[in-house]
Protein backbone atom coordinates (compact mmCIF):
# COMPACT_ATOMS: atom_id res chain seq x y z
CA MET A 1 -189.85 -38.42 -171.58
CA SER A 2 -186.48 -39.70 -170.43
CA LYS A 3 -183.44 -39.52 -172.62
CA THR A 4 -181.66 -42.60 -173.87
CA VAL A 5 -177.95 -43.16 -173.58
CA MET A 6 -176.12 -46.06 -175.29
CA ILE A 7 -173.11 -47.55 -173.43
CA VAL A 8 -170.76 -49.48 -175.72
CA ASP A 9 -168.02 -51.39 -173.92
CA ASP A 10 -166.86 -55.00 -173.93
CA ALA A 11 -166.51 -55.01 -170.17
CA VAL A 12 -169.73 -56.04 -168.50
CA SER A 13 -168.71 -54.38 -165.26
CA ILE A 14 -168.13 -50.97 -166.97
CA ARG A 15 -171.46 -51.10 -168.69
CA GLY A 16 -173.20 -52.18 -165.55
CA LEU A 17 -171.77 -49.29 -163.50
CA ALA A 18 -172.40 -46.72 -166.12
CA SER A 19 -175.89 -48.07 -166.67
CA MET A 20 -176.75 -48.15 -163.01
CA THR A 21 -175.48 -44.54 -162.48
CA LEU A 22 -177.55 -43.19 -165.39
CA GLU A 23 -180.72 -45.17 -164.71
CA ASN A 24 -180.69 -43.98 -161.11
CA SER A 25 -180.71 -40.52 -162.50
CA GLY A 26 -183.73 -41.02 -164.77
CA TYR A 27 -181.98 -41.93 -168.07
CA LYS A 28 -182.91 -45.01 -170.16
CA VAL A 29 -179.81 -47.04 -171.04
CA ILE A 30 -179.11 -49.43 -173.86
CA GLU A 31 -175.99 -51.55 -173.47
CA ALA A 32 -173.80 -52.91 -176.44
CA CYS A 33 -170.78 -55.06 -176.28
CA ASP A 34 -168.90 -53.64 -179.22
CA GLY A 35 -169.44 -51.28 -182.21
CA LYS A 36 -171.17 -53.86 -184.46
CA ASN A 37 -173.61 -54.60 -181.66
CA ALA A 38 -174.17 -50.92 -181.08
CA LEU A 39 -175.02 -50.30 -184.75
CA ASP A 40 -177.51 -53.19 -184.64
CA LYS A 41 -179.22 -51.76 -181.61
CA ILE A 42 -179.15 -48.16 -182.48
CA SER A 43 -181.33 -48.64 -185.54
CA GLU A 44 -184.05 -50.14 -183.27
CA GLN A 45 -184.78 -46.93 -181.19
CA LYS A 46 -184.00 -43.25 -180.66
CA VAL A 47 -180.69 -42.75 -178.88
CA ASN A 48 -179.76 -39.27 -177.52
CA MET A 49 -176.10 -40.01 -176.75
CA VAL A 50 -173.54 -42.73 -177.08
CA ILE A 51 -170.71 -43.42 -174.65
CA THR A 52 -168.17 -45.76 -176.09
CA ASP A 53 -164.83 -47.56 -175.23
CA ILE A 54 -162.10 -47.44 -177.92
CA ASN A 55 -160.67 -51.01 -177.73
CA MET A 56 -163.32 -53.68 -178.37
CA PRO A 57 -163.53 -56.75 -180.53
CA ASN A 58 -165.38 -56.72 -183.91
CA MET A 59 -165.50 -52.92 -184.04
CA GLY A 60 -163.73 -50.35 -181.86
CA GLY A 61 -164.96 -46.98 -180.75
CA ILE A 62 -163.27 -44.86 -183.26
CA GLU A 63 -164.66 -46.88 -186.14
CA LEU A 64 -168.10 -46.78 -184.50
CA ILE A 65 -167.91 -42.97 -184.24
CA LYS A 66 -166.83 -42.63 -187.90
CA THR A 67 -169.68 -44.91 -188.98
CA LEU A 68 -172.27 -42.98 -186.98
CA LYS A 69 -171.05 -39.57 -188.21
CA THR A 70 -171.21 -40.58 -191.84
CA ASN A 71 -174.90 -41.71 -191.54
CA SER A 72 -177.30 -38.79 -191.82
CA LYS A 73 -179.66 -40.56 -189.38
CA TYR A 74 -177.01 -40.58 -186.55
CA LYS A 75 -174.52 -37.86 -187.30
CA PHE A 76 -175.94 -35.38 -184.79
CA ILE A 77 -175.90 -37.93 -181.85
CA PRO A 78 -173.27 -36.79 -179.41
CA VAL A 79 -170.53 -39.36 -178.70
CA VAL A 80 -168.26 -39.53 -175.62
CA ILE A 81 -165.27 -41.81 -175.37
CA LEU A 82 -164.82 -43.80 -172.14
CA THR A 83 -161.49 -45.54 -172.16
CA LYS A 84 -158.29 -46.42 -170.22
CA GLU A 85 -156.30 -45.15 -173.25
CA ASN A 86 -154.59 -41.85 -172.75
CA GLU A 87 -152.36 -41.56 -175.84
CA PRO A 88 -152.44 -38.12 -177.38
CA GLU A 89 -152.73 -39.62 -180.89
CA LEU A 90 -155.87 -41.63 -179.92
CA LYS A 91 -157.33 -38.48 -178.37
CA ARG A 92 -156.66 -36.61 -181.59
CA GLN A 93 -158.29 -39.46 -183.63
CA GLY A 94 -161.27 -39.52 -181.30
CA GLN A 95 -161.77 -35.74 -181.60
CA ALA A 96 -161.28 -35.82 -185.38
CA SER A 97 -163.87 -38.56 -185.67
CA GLY A 98 -166.39 -36.46 -183.85
CA ALA A 99 -166.23 -37.36 -180.14
CA LYS A 100 -167.47 -34.56 -177.90
CA ALA A 101 -165.63 -35.67 -174.78
CA TRP A 102 -163.07 -38.12 -173.28
CA ILE A 103 -163.43 -39.78 -169.94
CA ASN A 104 -160.66 -41.92 -168.50
CA LYS A 105 -161.14 -45.24 -166.81
CA PRO A 106 -161.28 -45.87 -163.93
CA PHE A 107 -164.02 -43.30 -163.56
CA LYS A 108 -166.23 -41.92 -160.82
CA PRO A 109 -169.88 -42.54 -161.57
CA LYS A 110 -170.57 -38.89 -160.92
CA THR A 111 -168.15 -37.97 -163.73
CA ILE A 112 -170.28 -39.82 -166.35
CA LEU A 113 -173.44 -38.31 -164.95
CA ASN A 114 -172.01 -34.83 -165.15
CA VAL A 115 -170.83 -35.23 -168.78
CA VAL A 116 -174.27 -36.63 -169.83
CA GLN A 117 -176.15 -33.87 -168.09
CA LYS A 118 -173.95 -31.27 -169.64
CA ILE A 119 -174.28 -32.61 -173.15
CA ILE A 120 -177.93 -33.74 -173.31
CA GLY A 121 -179.46 -32.35 -170.18
């Protein structure tokens, strides 16, 4: 059975590139346009990993991670941040909220694939 990765980003192009990369390697991908959309969709199916941007409308990535980590149903899902942000304070907040890794945009598709394979196989 293939593993499912949720990509949460308000940029359609980023979601598309990440989705295509992962789907071509056998992963199932669910796309969400922001944190609120991700929370709506994650309740509908099993998700093995979440990759999220930080800056999004409605609910950003840090708030999404905190919300997932305080819910017993989702707290063990690994979360990776994919963002153009590079501020040490934001990285600290991401790590403190429970993020497993940080990928900077722009990214090489292989980078996302390597991180996903390392974390969920």
